């Protein structure tokens, strides 16, 4: 079993920056990929950025050039650096991890970008 806890959400003005962090605990040796999803009100949950166990990142089109995902396997953390934030980035951001057979979700952290 893996537990994921996000932190770093909050209120930021358009054009500002925010860094989210997620700490994993439990059976962390089973984790393969880690990623960040987000869900805005009335919208489906969508992938924002992911990173493989060899450090290869991938990003949603809306995140490319603005967001950076990174992981530290010794600290059991994955971060999402968000720059040039827009009101449409407002959502609950969820930490996600996969093992060979299961997936795990954090509780979510609210990111609000005001107009």
Protein backbone atom coordinates (compact mmCIF):
# COMPACT_ATOMS: atom_id res chain seq x y z
CA UNK A 1 0.00 0.00 0.00
CA UNK A 2 1.15 3.52 -0.86
CA UNK A 3 0.03 6.78 0.71
CA UNK A 4 0.44 10.09 -1.12
CA UNK A 5 0.23 13.52 0.50
CA UNK A 6 0.25 16.75 -1.51
CA UNK A 7 1.24 20.20 -0.32
CA UNK A 8 1.89 23.64 -1.77
CA UNK A 9 -1.51 24.60 -3.14
CA UNK A 10 -3.00 28.02 -2.58
CA UNK A 11 -4.10 31.29 -4.13
CA UNK A 12 -1.92 32.98 -6.72
CA UNK A 13 -2.40 35.84 -9.17
CA UNK A 14 -2.27 35.31 -12.94
CA UNK A 15 1.31 35.16 -14.13
CA UNK A 16 2.53 33.95 -10.76
CA UNK A 17 4.26 30.74 -9.80
CA UNK A 18 3.53 27.90 -7.44
CA UNK A 19 5.32 24.68 -6.55
CA UNK A 20 3.46 21.57 -5.51
CA UNK A 21 5.07 18.67 -3.70
CA UNK A 22 3.95 15.12 -3.02
CA UNK A 23 5.50 12.74 -0.51
CA UNK A 24 4.96 8.99 -0.82
CA UNK A 25 5.03 6.53 2.06
CA UNK A 26 4.29 2.86 2.58
CA UNK A 27 5.42 0.34 -0.03
CA UNK A 28 7.34 2.98 -1.94
CA UNK A 29 9.65 0.41 -3.52
CA UNK A 30 6.75 -0.71 -5.70
CA UNK A 31 6.29 2.70 -7.35
CA UNK A 32 7.10 2.93 -11.04
CA UNK A 33 5.63 6.15 -12.41
CA UNK A 34 4.53 9.32 -10.67
CA UNK A 35 2.34 12.06 -12.04
CA UNK A 36 0.11 15.04 -11.37
CA UNK A 37 -3.52 15.27 -12.40
CA UNK A 38 -5.99 18.09 -11.97
CA UNK A 39 -9.75 18.43 -11.91
CA UNK A 40 -11.60 21.69 -12.34
CA UNK A 41 -15.27 22.09 -11.33
CA UNK A 42 -17.52 20.39 -13.84
CA UNK A 43 -14.55 18.92 -15.70
CA UNK A 44 -13.00 15.49 -16.01
CA UNK A 45 -9.79 14.74 -14.21
CA UNK A 46 -6.90 15.21 -16.60
CA UNK A 47 -3.21 14.39 -16.66
CA UNK A 48 -1.00 17.45 -16.25
CA UNK A 49 2.46 15.89 -16.12
CA UNK A 50 4.03 12.51 -15.54
CA UNK A 51 7.51 11.14 -15.01
CA UNK A 52 8.84 7.61 -15.48
CA UNK A 53 11.25 5.70 -13.26
CA UNK A 54 14.11 6.65 -15.59
CA UNK A 55 13.28 10.34 -15.26
CA UNK A 56 11.56 10.92 -18.59
CA UNK A 57 8.85 13.58 -18.24
CA UNK A 58 5.72 14.09 -20.27
CA UNK A 59 3.31 17.00 -20.22
CA UNK A 60 -0.15 17.93 -21.29
CA UNK A 61 -0.18 20.45 -24.11
CA UNK A 62 -1.47 23.14 -21.76
CA UNK A 63 1.47 22.57 -19.41
CA UNK A 64 4.35 22.43 -21.87
CA UNK A 65 6.73 25.34 -21.47
CA UNK A 66 5.15 26.42 -18.18
CA UNK A 67 5.25 23.43 -15.82
CA UNK A 68 8.14 21.21 -14.79
CA UNK A 69 7.82 17.84 -13.07
CA UNK A 70 10.67 16.27 -11.12
CA UNK A 71 11.15 13.35 -8.76
CA UNK A 72 13.58 12.38 -6.05
CA UNK A 73 13.41 8.65 -5.39
CA UNK A 74 15.52 8.90 -2.24
CA UNK A 75 13.26 11.54 -0.71
CA UNK A 76 10.18 9.82 -2.15
CA UNK A 77 8.90 13.09 -3.55
CA UNK A 78 7.59 14.41 -6.82
CA UNK A 79 7.28 18.13 -7.44
CA UNK A 80 5.39 20.22 -9.95
CA UNK A 81 6.80 23.67 -10.61
CA UNK A 82 4.11 25.85 -12.18
CA UNK A 83 4.97 29.14 -13.83
CA UNK A 84 2.99 31.75 -15.78
CA UNK A 85 -0.19 30.55 -14.13
CA UNK A 86 -3.52 31.31 -15.78
CA UNK A 87 -7.07 31.36 -14.40
CA UNK A 88 -7.78 28.19 -16.38
CA UNK A 89 -5.16 26.41 -14.27
CA UNK A 90 -7.52 26.65 -11.31
CA UNK A 91 -8.29 23.11 -10.15
CA UNK A 92 -7.73 20.54 -7.47
CA UNK A 93 -4.35 18.98 -8.18
CA UNK A 94 -3.87 15.31 -7.35
CA UNK A 95 -0.68 13.35 -6.87
CA UNK A 96 -0.72 9.95 -8.57
CA UNK A 97 1.54 6.91 -8.58
CA UNK A 98 1.49 3.49 -10.21
CA UNK A 99 2.93 0.12 -9.31
CA UNK A 100 2.90 -2.89 -11.61
CA UNK A 101 -0.67 -3.73 -10.63
CA UNK A 102 -2.23 -0.77 -8.80
CA UNK A 103 -2.58 2.98 -8.83
CA UNK A 104 -2.65 5.39 -5.91
CA UNK A 105 -4.09 8.86 -5.39
CA UNK A 106 -3.42 11.67 -2.97
CA UNK A 107 -6.17 13.70 -1.31
CA UNK A 108 -5.69 16.68 -3.61
CA UNK A 109 -4.62 20.27 -3.07
CA UNK A 110 -6.50 23.32 -4.29
CA UNK A 111 -4.82 25.73 -6.70
CA UNK A 112 -6.70 28.95 -7.39
CA UNK A 113 -5.48 31.50 -9.92
CA UNK A 114 -7.45 34.71 -9.54
CA UNK A 115 -8.40 37.01 -12.38
